[in-house]
Amino acid sequence: MAILEILKLPDPRLKAVAEDVERFDSRLHDFIADLEQTRQAGPAAVGIAAPQVGVSRRIVIIDCSTTRKPAPNHGHLVLVNPEITDWEGFELGREGCLSVPDYTGNVIRAERIKLHAHDPQGELQAYEMAGFEARALQHEVDHLDGILFIDRLVSRRTDLFQRKVYQKRR
């Protein structure tokens, strides 16, 4: 396993639409293991998408099991070729991104979503998500379509914030 380099804005590869995964083989599983290790090495990242490490494939990992958000969630998920099929409600919330490390921003997302995706073995699965988990999944699926959270800000003047860096006291 390896920790992969995370692409940062303005890298043009972050704006490309990712291709569907067609082979569910050991090479895919090895890449997923590297992607997960990269997510875990990041600063409290609940999700990561393959395009963030320069791989133009429709693969995302999310894990909301250790977040402070109270809504129920599915825990650790590896989703291949995810497609959101339905959404309800809208909610404004703050988001950050490994590929835009110096900023956070307020983004409007659906409160509840339905989706289907393949698992790493190629089996089609269906999910319903709400709250923070739904937000995290929408954020990662946007990466597959070449969209960053800053592209969804209503206003860069009022909804984009420089991330605070906290230093440990000596």
N, C-alpha and C. Protein backbone atom coordinates (compact mmCIF):
# COMPACT_ATOMS: atom_id res chain seq x y z
N MET A 1 0.84 -1.19 0.00
CA MET A 1 0.00 0.00 0.00
C MET A 1 0.88 1.24 0.00
N ALA A 2 0.32 2.32 -0.51
CA ALA A 2 1.09 3.55 -0.63
C ALA A 2 0.19 4.76 -0.39
N ILE A 3 0.78 5.80 0.16
CA ILE A 3 0.08 7.07 0.28
C ILE A 3 0.32 7.83 -1.02
N LEU A 4 -0.76 8.18 -1.68
CA LEU A 4 -0.69 8.84 -2.98
C LEU A 4 -0.69 10.36 -2.83
N GLU A 5 -0.14 11.05 -3.81
CA GLU A 5 -0.12 12.51 -3.79
C GLU A 5 -1.52 13.04 -4.09
N ILE A 6 -1.98 13.95 -3.26
CA ILE A 6 -3.29 14.58 -3.45
C ILE A 6 -3.11 15.82 -4.32
N LEU A 7 -3.87 15.86 -5.40
CA LEU A 7 -3.82 17.03 -6.29
C LEU A 7 -4.46 18.23 -5.60
N LYS A 8 -3.90 19.40 -5.85
CA LYS A 8 -4.42 20.63 -5.27
C LYS A 8 -4.86 21.57 -6.39
N LEU A 9 -5.89 22.36 -6.08
CA LEU A 9 -6.33 23.40 -6.99
C LEU A 9 -5.12 24.32 -7.24
N PRO A 10 -4.79 24.69 -8.44
CA PRO A 10 -5.58 24.71 -9.68
C PRO A 10 -5.26 23.57 -10.64
N ASP A 11 -4.81 22.41 -10.18
CA ASP A 11 -4.47 21.31 -11.09
C ASP A 11 -5.65 21.01 -12.01
N PRO A 12 -5.46 21.07 -13.33
CA PRO A 12 -6.57 20.89 -14.27
C PRO A 12 -7.19 19.50 -14.23
N ARG A 13 -6.47 18.51 -13.72
CA ARG A 13 -7.04 17.15 -13.64
C ARG A 13 -8.22 17.08 -12.68
N LEU A 14 -8.30 18.03 -11.75
CA LEU A 14 -9.44 18.06 -10.81
C LEU A 14 -10.73 18.47 -11.51
N LYS A 15 -10.63 19.07 -12.69
CA LYS A 15 -11.81 19.55 -13.41
C LYS A 15 -12.30 18.57 -14.48
N ALA A 16 -11.64 17.43 -14.61
CA ALA A 16 -12.01 16.44 -15.64
C ALA A 16 -13.10 15.51 -15.12
N VAL A 17 -13.96 15.05 -16.01
CA VAL A 17 -15.00 14.07 -15.67
C VAL A 17 -14.36 12.69 -15.68
N ALA A 18 -14.54 11.94 -14.58
CA ALA A 18 -13.93 10.62 -14.44
C ALA A 18 -14.68 9.56 -15.25
N GLU A 19 -13.95 8.53 -15.62
CA GLU A 19 -14.50 7.44 -16.42
C GLU A 19 -15.03 6.32 -15.53
N ASP A 20 -16.04 5.61 -16.04
CA ASP A 20 -16.59 4.47 -15.31
C ASP A 20 -15.53 3.38 -15.14
N VAL A 21 -15.64 2.65 -14.04
CA VAL A 21 -14.82 1.47 -13.80
C VAL A 21 -15.52 0.30 -14.48
N GLU A 22 -14.77 -0.46 -15.23
CA GLU A 22 -15.35 -1.61 -15.93
C GLU A 22 -14.80 -2.93 -15.44
N ARG A 23 -13.61 -2.92 -14.87
CA ARG A 23 -12.98 -4.16 -14.38
C ARG A 23 -12.89 -4.13 -12.86
N PHE A 24 -13.41 -5.15 -12.25
CA PHE A 24 -13.38 -5.29 -10.80
C PHE A 24 -12.38 -6.40 -10.48
N ASP A 25 -11.10 -6.05 -10.55
CA ASP A 25 -10.04 -7.03 -10.42
C ASP A 25 -9.08 -6.66 -9.30
N SER A 26 -7.99 -7.41 -9.19
CA SER A 26 -7.03 -7.17 -8.12
C SER A 26 -6.36 -5.81 -8.25
N ARG A 27 -6.21 -5.33 -9.48
CA ARG A 27 -5.63 -4.00 -9.67
C ARG A 27 -6.52 -2.92 -9.05
N LEU A 28 -7.84 -3.06 -9.25
CA LEU A 28 -8.79 -2.14 -8.64
C LEU A 28 -8.69 -2.21 -7.12
N HIS A 29 -8.64 -3.41 -6.57
CA HIS A 29 -8.57 -3.59 -5.11
C HIS A 29 -7.29 -2.98 -4.55
N ASP A 30 -6.17 -3.14 -5.26
CA ASP A 30 -4.91 -2.54 -4.81
C ASP A 30 -5.01 -1.01 -4.81
N PHE A 31 -5.62 -0.45 -5.86
CA PHE A 31 -5.79 1.00 -5.90
C PHE A 31 -6.68 1.48 -4.76
N ILE A 32 -7.77 0.77 -4.50
CA ILE A 32 -8.68 1.15 -3.41
C ILE A 32 -7.94 1.14 -2.07
N ALA A 33 -7.07 0.16 -1.86
CA ALA A 33 -6.29 0.11 -0.62
C ALA A 33 -5.38 1.33 -0.52
N ASP A 34 -4.73 1.72 -1.62
CA ASP A 34 -3.88 2.92 -1.62
C ASP A 34 -4.71 4.18 -1.37
N LEU A 35 -5.89 4.25 -2.00
CA LEU A 35 -6.76 5.42 -1.83
C LEU A 35 -7.21 5.53 -0.38
N GLU A 36 -7.54 4.41 0.24
CA GLU A 36 -7.96 4.43 1.65
C GLU A 36 -6.80 4.85 2.56
N GLN A 37 -5.62 4.35 2.30
CA GLN A 37 -4.47 4.74 3.11
C GLN A 37 -4.20 6.24 2.96
N THR A 38 -4.38 6.76 1.77
CA THR A 38 -4.21 8.19 1.52
C THR A 38 -5.26 8.99 2.29
N ARG A 39 -6.52 8.53 2.28
CA ARG A 39 -7.58 9.22 3.03
C ARG A 39 -7.24 9.25 4.51
N GLN A 40 -6.82 8.13 5.04
CA GLN A 40 -6.51 8.05 6.47
C GLN A 40 -5.32 8.91 6.86
N ALA A 41 -4.40 9.12 5.93
CA ALA A 41 -3.22 9.94 6.21
C ALA A 41 -3.54 11.43 6.17
N GLY A 42 -4.68 11.78 5.57
CA GLY A 42 -5.07 13.18 5.46
C GLY A 42 -5.58 13.72 6.78
N PRO A 43 -5.75 15.03 6.85
CA PRO A 43 -6.22 15.66 8.09
C PRO A 43 -7.73 15.50 8.29
N ALA A 44 -8.12 14.44 8.98
CA ALA A 44 -9.52 14.19 9.34
C ALA A 44 -10.45 14.13 8.13
N ALA A 45 -10.01 13.51 7.07
CA ALA A 45 -10.81 13.43 5.85
C ALA A 45 -11.86 12.32 5.99
N VAL A 46 -13.12 12.67 5.79
CA VAL A 46 -14.18 11.66 5.81
C VAL A 46 -14.38 11.06 4.43
N GLY A 47 -13.82 11.67 3.39
CA GLY A 47 -13.99 11.14 2.05
C GLY A 47 -12.84 11.48 1.14
N ILE A 48 -12.76 10.69 0.07
CA ILE A 48 -11.76 10.94 -0.96
C ILE A 48 -12.29 10.32 -2.25
N ALA A 49 -11.92 10.94 -3.36
CA ALA A 49 -12.32 10.43 -4.67
C ALA A 49 -11.07 10.19 -5.51
N ALA A 50 -11.13 9.19 -6.37
CA ALA A 50 -9.98 8.83 -7.20
C ALA A 50 -9.39 10.01 -7.97
N PRO A 51 -10.20 10.91 -8.55
CA PRO A 51 -9.60 12.04 -9.27
C PRO A 51 -8.71 12.93 -8.40
N GLN A 52 -8.90 12.92 -7.10
CA GLN A 52 -8.07 13.74 -6.22
C GLN A 52 -6.63 13.24 -6.17
N VAL A 53 -6.39 12.01 -6.59
CA VAL A 53 -5.02 11.48 -6.64
C VAL A 53 -4.59 11.25 -8.08
N GLY A 54 -5.28 11.89 -9.03
CA GLY A 54 -4.88 11.85 -10.42
C GLY A 54 -5.34 10.62 -11.19
N VAL A 55 -6.29 9.86 -10.64
CA VAL A 55 -6.82 8.67 -11.31
C VAL A 55 -8.24 8.98 -11.76
N SER A 56 -8.44 9.04 -13.06
CA SER A 56 -9.73 9.44 -13.61
C SER A 56 -10.70 8.25 -13.68
N ARG A 57 -11.09 7.76 -12.51
CA ARG A 57 -12.04 6.66 -12.39
C ARG A 57 -13.10 7.04 -11.37
N ARG A 58 -14.30 6.50 -11.53
CA ARG A 58 -15.44 6.84 -10.68
C ARG A 58 -15.42 5.96 -9.42
N ILE A 59 -14.55 6.33 -8.48
CA ILE A 59 -14.38 5.60 -7.22
C ILE A 59 -14.34 6.62 -6.09
N VAL A 60 -15.15 6.39 -5.06
CA VAL A 60 -15.11 7.24 -3.86
C VAL A 60 -15.09 6.37 -2.62
N ILE A 61 -14.50 6.92 -1.59
CA ILE A 61 -14.53 6.30 -0.26
C ILE A 61 -15.06 7.35 0.69
N ILE A 62 -16.04 6.96 1.50
CA ILE A 62 -16.48 7.84 2.60
C ILE A 62 -16.58 7.00 3.87
N ASP A 63 -16.32 7.66 4.98
CA ASP A 63 -16.45 7.01 6.29
C ASP A 63 -16.86 8.06 7.30
N CYS A 64 -18.15 8.06 7.62
CA CYS A 64 -18.69 9.02 8.59
C CYS A 64 -18.86 8.39 9.97
N SER A 65 -18.32 7.20 10.17
CA SER A 65 -18.56 6.47 11.42
C SER A 65 -17.93 7.12 12.64
N THR A 66 -16.91 7.93 12.46
CA THR A 66 -16.26 8.54 13.61
C THR A 66 -16.49 10.04 13.71
N THR A 67 -17.43 10.56 12.91
CA THR A 67 -17.70 12.00 12.96
C THR A 67 -18.60 12.33 14.15
N ARG A 68 -18.65 13.58 14.49
CA ARG A 68 -19.49 14.03 15.61
C ARG A 68 -20.93 14.26 15.18
N LYS A 69 -21.23 14.06 13.91
CA LYS A 69 -22.59 14.31 13.41
C LYS A 69 -23.52 13.20 13.90
N PRO A 70 -24.69 13.54 14.41
CA PRO A 70 -25.56 12.56 15.06
C PRO A 70 -26.37 11.66 14.13
N ALA A 71 -26.55 12.03 12.87
CA ALA A 71 -27.42 11.25 11.98
C ALA A 71 -26.85 9.85 11.78
N PRO A 72 -27.70 8.85 11.65
CA PRO A 72 -27.19 7.51 11.36
C PRO A 72 -26.49 7.49 10.01
N ASN A 73 -25.51 6.59 9.89
CA ASN A 73 -24.80 6.48 8.62
C ASN A 73 -24.38 5.04 8.38
N HIS A 74 -23.86 4.78 7.20
CA HIS A 74 -23.49 3.44 6.79
C HIS A 74 -22.06 3.07 7.19
N GLY A 75 -21.35 3.97 7.84
CA GLY A 75 -19.97 3.69 8.21
C GLY A 75 -19.04 3.81 7.02
N HIS A 76 -18.10 2.92 6.93
CA HIS A 76 -17.08 2.95 5.87
C HIS A 76 -17.66 2.36 4.58
N LEU A 77 -17.62 3.14 3.50
CA LEU A 77 -18.14 2.70 2.20
C LEU A 77 -17.12 2.96 1.10
N VAL A 78 -16.95 1.97 0.24
CA VAL A 78 -16.21 2.13 -1.01
C VAL A 78 -17.25 1.99 -2.11
N LEU A 79 -17.42 3.05 -2.88
CA LEU A 79 -18.46 3.10 -3.90
C LEU A 79 -17.83 3.28 -5.28
N VAL A 80 -18.16 2.37 -6.18
CA VAL A 80 -17.63 2.39 -7.53
C VAL A 80 -18.77 2.73 -8.48
N ASN A 81 -18.53 3.68 -9.35
CA ASN A 81 -19.54 4.17 -10.29
C ASN A 81 -20.82 4.62 -9.58
N PRO A 82 -20.71 5.42 -8.52
CA PRO A 82 -21.92 5.86 -7.82
C PRO A 82 -22.76 6.80 -8.66
N GLU A 83 -24.07 6.68 -8.52
CA GLU A 83 -24.99 7.56 -9.23
C GLU A 83 -26.13 7.94 -8.29
N ILE A 84 -26.28 9.23 -8.05
CA ILE A 84 -27.37 9.73 -7.23
C ILE A 84 -28.63 9.70 -8.08
N THR A 85 -29.66 9.02 -7.59
CA THR A 85 -30.87 8.84 -8.38
C THR A 85 -32.04 9.68 -7.90
N ASP A 86 -31.97 10.19 -6.67
CA ASP A 86 -33.07 10.99 -6.13
C ASP A 86 -32.53 11.84 -4.99
N TRP A 87 -33.13 13.00 -4.78
CA TRP A 87 -32.72 13.87 -3.67
C TRP A 87 -33.93 14.65 -3.18
N GLU A 88 -33.86 15.03 -1.91
CA GLU A 88 -34.93 15.82 -1.28
C GLU A 88 -34.32 16.87 -0.37
N GLY A 89 -35.02 17.99 -0.27
CA GLY A 89 -34.64 19.06 0.66
C GLY A 89 -33.31 19.69 0.30
N PHE A 90 -33.07 20.81 0.97
CA PHE A 90 -31.81 21.52 0.77
C PHE A 90 -31.33 22.04 2.11
N GLU A 91 -30.01 22.05 2.28
CA GLU A 91 -29.43 22.51 3.53
C GLU A 91 -28.08 23.16 3.24
N LEU A 92 -27.83 24.28 3.89
CA LEU A 92 -26.55 24.98 3.78
C LEU A 92 -25.61 24.40 4.83
N GLY A 93 -24.38 24.10 4.45
CA GLY A 93 -23.41 23.57 5.40
C GLY A 93 -22.00 23.90 4.98
N ARG A 94 -21.09 23.87 5.95
CA ARG A 94 -19.68 24.19 5.72
C ARG A 94 -18.95 22.94 5.24
N GLU A 95 -18.12 23.11 4.21
CA GLU A 95 -17.34 22.00 3.67
C GLU A 95 -15.88 22.40 3.52
N GLY A 96 -15.02 21.41 3.60
CA GLY A 96 -13.61 21.56 3.31
C GLY A 96 -13.21 20.45 2.35
N CYS A 97 -11.97 20.50 1.88
CA CYS A 97 -11.55 19.54 0.86
C CYS A 97 -10.03 19.36 0.91
N LEU A 98 -9.59 18.12 0.75
CA LEU A 98 -8.16 17.85 0.69
C LEU A 98 -7.49 18.55 -0.49
N SER A 99 -8.25 18.77 -1.56
CA SER A 99 -7.69 19.40 -2.75
C SER A 99 -7.76 20.93 -2.71
N VAL A 100 -8.43 21.47 -1.71
CA VAL A 100 -8.50 22.93 -1.49
C VAL A 100 -8.20 23.13 0.00
N PRO A 101 -6.96 22.85 0.41
CA PRO A 101 -6.66 22.75 1.84
C PRO A 101 -6.71 24.05 2.63
N ASP A 102 -6.63 25.18 1.98
CA ASP A 102 -6.55 26.45 2.71
C ASP A 102 -7.89 27.13 2.94
N TYR A 103 -8.98 26.52 2.45
CA TYR A 103 -10.29 27.17 2.55
C TYR A 103 -11.39 26.19 2.93
N THR A 104 -12.45 26.74 3.51
CA THR A 104 -13.72 26.04 3.69
C THR A 104 -14.79 26.96 3.11
N GLY A 105 -15.97 26.40 2.92
CA GLY A 105 -17.02 27.24 2.35
C GLY A 105 -18.40 26.69 2.60
N ASN A 106 -19.38 27.57 2.54
CA ASN A 106 -20.78 27.20 2.71
C ASN A 106 -21.35 26.76 1.36
N VAL A 107 -21.92 25.56 1.35
CA VAL A 107 -22.45 24.97 0.13
C VAL A 107 -23.86 24.45 0.41
N ILE A 108 -24.76 24.65 -0.54
CA ILE A 108 -26.11 24.09 -0.44
C ILE A 108 -26.09 22.69 -1.04
N ARG A 109 -26.58 21.71 -0.28
CA ARG A 109 -26.65 20.32 -0.72
C ARG A 109 -28.03 19.77 -0.38
N ALA A 110 -28.39 18.67 -1.03
CA ALA A 110 -29.63 17.98 -0.69
C ALA A 110 -29.51 17.37 0.71
N GLU A 111 -30.60 17.38 1.46
CA GLU A 111 -30.60 16.80 2.81
C GLU A 111 -30.64 15.28 2.79
N ARG A 112 -31.36 14.73 1.82
CA ARG A 112 -31.52 13.27 1.71
C ARG A 112 -31.31 12.87 0.26
N ILE A 113 -30.63 11.75 0.07
CA ILE A 113 -30.38 11.27 -1.29
C ILE A 113 -30.59 9.75 -1.36
N LYS A 114 -30.83 9.29 -2.57
CA LYS A 114 -30.83 7.87 -2.88
C LYS A 114 -29.79 7.68 -3.98
N LEU A 115 -29.09 6.57 -3.93
CA LEU A 115 -28.09 6.31 -4.94
C LEU A 115 -27.91 4.82 -5.13
N HIS A 116 -27.28 4.48 -6.23
CA HIS A 116 -26.80 3.12 -6.39
C HIS A 116 -25.35 3.19 -6.83
N ALA A 117 -24.62 2.14 -6.47
CA ALA A 117 -23.19 2.06 -6.77
C ALA A 117 -22.78 0.60 -6.68
N HIS A 118 -21.67 0.30 -7.32
CA HIS A 118 -21.10 -1.04 -7.19
C HIS A 118 -20.17 -1.08 -6.00
N ASP A 119 -20.10 -2.23 -5.35
CA ASP A 119 -19.08 -2.43 -4.33
C ASP A 119 -17.79 -2.87 -5.04
N PRO A 120 -16.68 -3.02 -4.32
CA PRO A 120 -15.41 -3.37 -4.99
C PRO A 120 -15.43 -4.71 -5.72
N GLN A 121 -16.39 -5.57 -5.40
CA GLN A 121 -16.50 -6.85 -6.09
C GLN A 121 -17.38 -6.76 -7.33
N GLY A 122 -18.00 -5.59 -7.56
CA GLY A 122 -18.82 -5.40 -8.74
C GLY A 122 -20.30 -5.60 -8.53
N GLU A 123 -20.72 -5.87 -7.28
CA GLU A 123 -22.14 -6.07 -6.98
C GLU A 123 -22.83 -4.72 -6.84
N LEU A 124 -23.97 -4.58 -7.51
CA LEU A 124 -24.73 -3.32 -7.44
C LEU A 124 -25.45 -3.23 -6.10
N GLN A 125 -25.32 -2.08 -5.44
CA GLN A 125 -25.92 -1.83 -4.14
C GLN A 125 -26.77 -0.55 -4.23
N ALA A 126 -27.77 -0.46 -3.35
CA ALA A 126 -28.60 0.75 -3.26
C ALA A 126 -28.48 1.32 -1.85
N TYR A 127 -28.48 2.63 -1.74
CA TYR A 127 -28.34 3.31 -0.45
C TYR A 127 -29.30 4.48 -0.36
N GLU A 128 -29.72 4.76 0.87
CA GLU A 128 -30.40 6.01 1.20
C GLU A 128 -29.56 6.68 2.26
N MET A 129 -29.31 7.97 2.09
CA MET A 129 -28.45 8.71 3.03
C MET A 129 -29.12 10.02 3.40
N ALA A 130 -28.77 10.50 4.58
CA ALA A 130 -29.30 11.77 5.06
C ALA A 130 -28.22 12.51 5.83
N GLY A 131 -28.45 13.80 6.03
CA GLY A 131 -27.57 14.60 6.87
C GLY A 131 -26.14 14.68 6.36
N PHE A 132 -25.22 14.58 7.30
CA PHE A 132 -23.80 14.75 6.99
C PHE A 132 -23.29 13.70 6.00
N GLU A 133 -23.77 12.46 6.14
CA GLU A 133 -23.33 11.41 5.22
C GLU A 133 -23.76 11.74 3.79
N ALA A 134 -24.99 12.21 3.61
CA ALA A 134 -25.47 12.61 2.28
C ALA A 134 -24.62 13.75 1.74
N ARG A 135 -24.28 14.71 2.58
CA ARG A 135 -23.43 15.84 2.16
C ARG A 135 -22.06 15.33 1.72
N ALA A 136 -21.46 14.47 2.51
CA ALA A 136 -20.13 13.95 2.19
C ALA A 136 -20.15 13.20 0.86
N LEU A 137 -21.17 12.40 0.65
CA LEU A 137 -21.25 11.64 -0.59
C LEU A 137 -21.43 12.57 -1.80
N GLN A 138 -22.28 13.58 -1.66
CA GLN A 138 -22.48 14.53 -2.76
C GLN A 138 -21.17 15.26 -3.10
N HIS A 139 -20.42 15.62 -2.07
CA HIS A 139 -19.13 16.29 -2.26
C HIS A 139 -18.19 15.40 -3.08
N GLU A 140 -18.11 14.11 -2.71
CA GLU A 140 -17.20 13.20 -3.40
C GLU A 140 -17.68 12.90 -4.82
N VAL A 141 -18.97 12.73 -5.03
CA VAL A 141 -19.49 12.49 -6.39
C VAL A 141 -19.21 13.71 -7.27
N ASP A 142 -19.27 14.90 -6.70
CA ASP A 142 -18.91 16.10 -7.47
C ASP A 142 -17.48 15.97 -8.03
N HIS A 143 -16.55 15.43 -7.23
CA HIS A 143 -15.18 15.25 -7.72
C HIS A 143 -15.16 14.40 -8.98
N LEU A 144 -16.03 13.41 -9.06
CA LEU A 144 -16.08 12.53 -10.22
C LEU A 144 -16.54 13.27 -11.47
N ASP A 145 -17.25 14.37 -11.26
CA ASP A 145 -17.76 15.17 -12.37
C ASP A 145 -16.94 16.44 -12.60
N GLY A 146 -15.77 16.54 -11.95
CA GLY A 146 -14.90 17.69 -12.15
C GLY A 146 -15.38 18.95 -11.45
N ILE A 147 -16.15 18.78 -10.38
CA ILE A 147 -16.70 19.92 -9.65
C ILE A 147 -16.10 19.96 -8.25
N LEU A 148 -15.62 21.12 -7.84
CA LEU A 148 -15.10 21.32 -6.48
C LEU A 148 -16.12 22.11 -5.67
N PHE A 149 -16.03 22.02 -4.34
CA PHE A 149 -17.01 22.73 -3.52
C PHE A 149 -17.01 24.22 -3.79
N ILE A 150 -15.87 24.78 -4.15
CA ILE A 150 -15.82 26.22 -4.42
C ILE A 150 -16.62 26.59 -5.67
N ASP A 151 -16.87 25.61 -6.54
CA ASP A 151 -17.71 25.86 -7.71
C ASP A 151 -19.18 25.98 -7.33
N ARG A 152 -19.54 25.52 -6.15
CA ARG A 152 -20.94 25.52 -5.71
C ARG A 152 -21.25 26.64 -4.71
N LEU A 153 -20.27 27.47 -4.40
CA LEU A 153 -20.52 28.58 -3.48
C LEU A 153 -21.52 29.55 -4.10
N VAL A 154 -22.43 30.04 -3.29
CA VAL A 154 -23.35 31.07 -3.78
C VAL A 154 -22.55 32.34 -4.04
N SER A 155 -21.66 32.67 -3.11
CA SER A 155 -20.84 33.87 -3.26
C SER A 155 -19.45 33.62 -2.68
N ARG A 156 -18.42 33.83 -3.48
CA ARG A 156 -17.06 33.69 -2.94
C ARG A 156 -16.75 34.78 -1.92
N ARG A 157 -17.46 35.88 -2.00
CA ARG A 157 -17.22 36.99 -1.07
C ARG A 157 -17.74 36.68 0.32
N THR A 158 -18.91 36.01 0.42
CA THR A 158 -19.52 35.78 1.73
C THR A 158 -19.49 34.32 2.19
N ASP A 159 -19.21 33.37 1.28
CA ASP A 159 -19.31 31.96 1.65
C ASP A 159 -17.99 31.21 1.61
N LEU A 160 -16.88 31.88 1.38
CA LEU A 160 -15.56 31.24 1.35
C LEU A 160 -14.74 31.78 2.51
N PHE A 161 -14.12 30.86 3.25
CA PHE A 161 -13.40 31.24 4.47
C PHE A 161 -12.01 30.62 4.47
N GLN A 162 -11.03 31.44 4.86
CA GLN A 162 -9.68 30.90 5.00
C GLN A 162 -9.66 29.97 6.21
N ARG A 163 -9.09 28.78 5.99
CA ARG A 163 -9.03 27.78 7.06
C ARG A 163 -8.07 28.27 8.14
N LYS A 164 -8.48 28.11 9.37
CA LYS A 164 -7.63 28.51 10.49
C LYS A 164 -6.65 27.38 10.78
N VAL A 165 -5.41 27.75 11.01
CA VAL A 165 -4.39 26.78 11.37
C VAL A 165 -4.05 27.00 12.84
N TYR A 166 -4.25 25.97 13.60
CA TYR A 166 -4.01 26.08 15.03
C TYR A 166 -2.65 25.50 15.36
N GLN A 167 -1.88 26.25 16.11
CA GLN A 167 -0.56 25.77 16.52
C GLN A 167 -0.63 25.28 17.95
N LYS A 168 0.10 24.21 18.22
CA LYS A 168 0.13 23.67 19.58
C LYS A 168 0.93 24.61 20.47
N ARG A 169 0.45 24.73 21.71
CA ARG A 169 1.18 25.56 22.68
C ARG A 169 2.38 24.80 23.19
N ARG A 170 3.41 25.55 23.48
CA ARG A 170 4.64 24.90 23.98
C ARG A 170 4.62 24.81 25.47
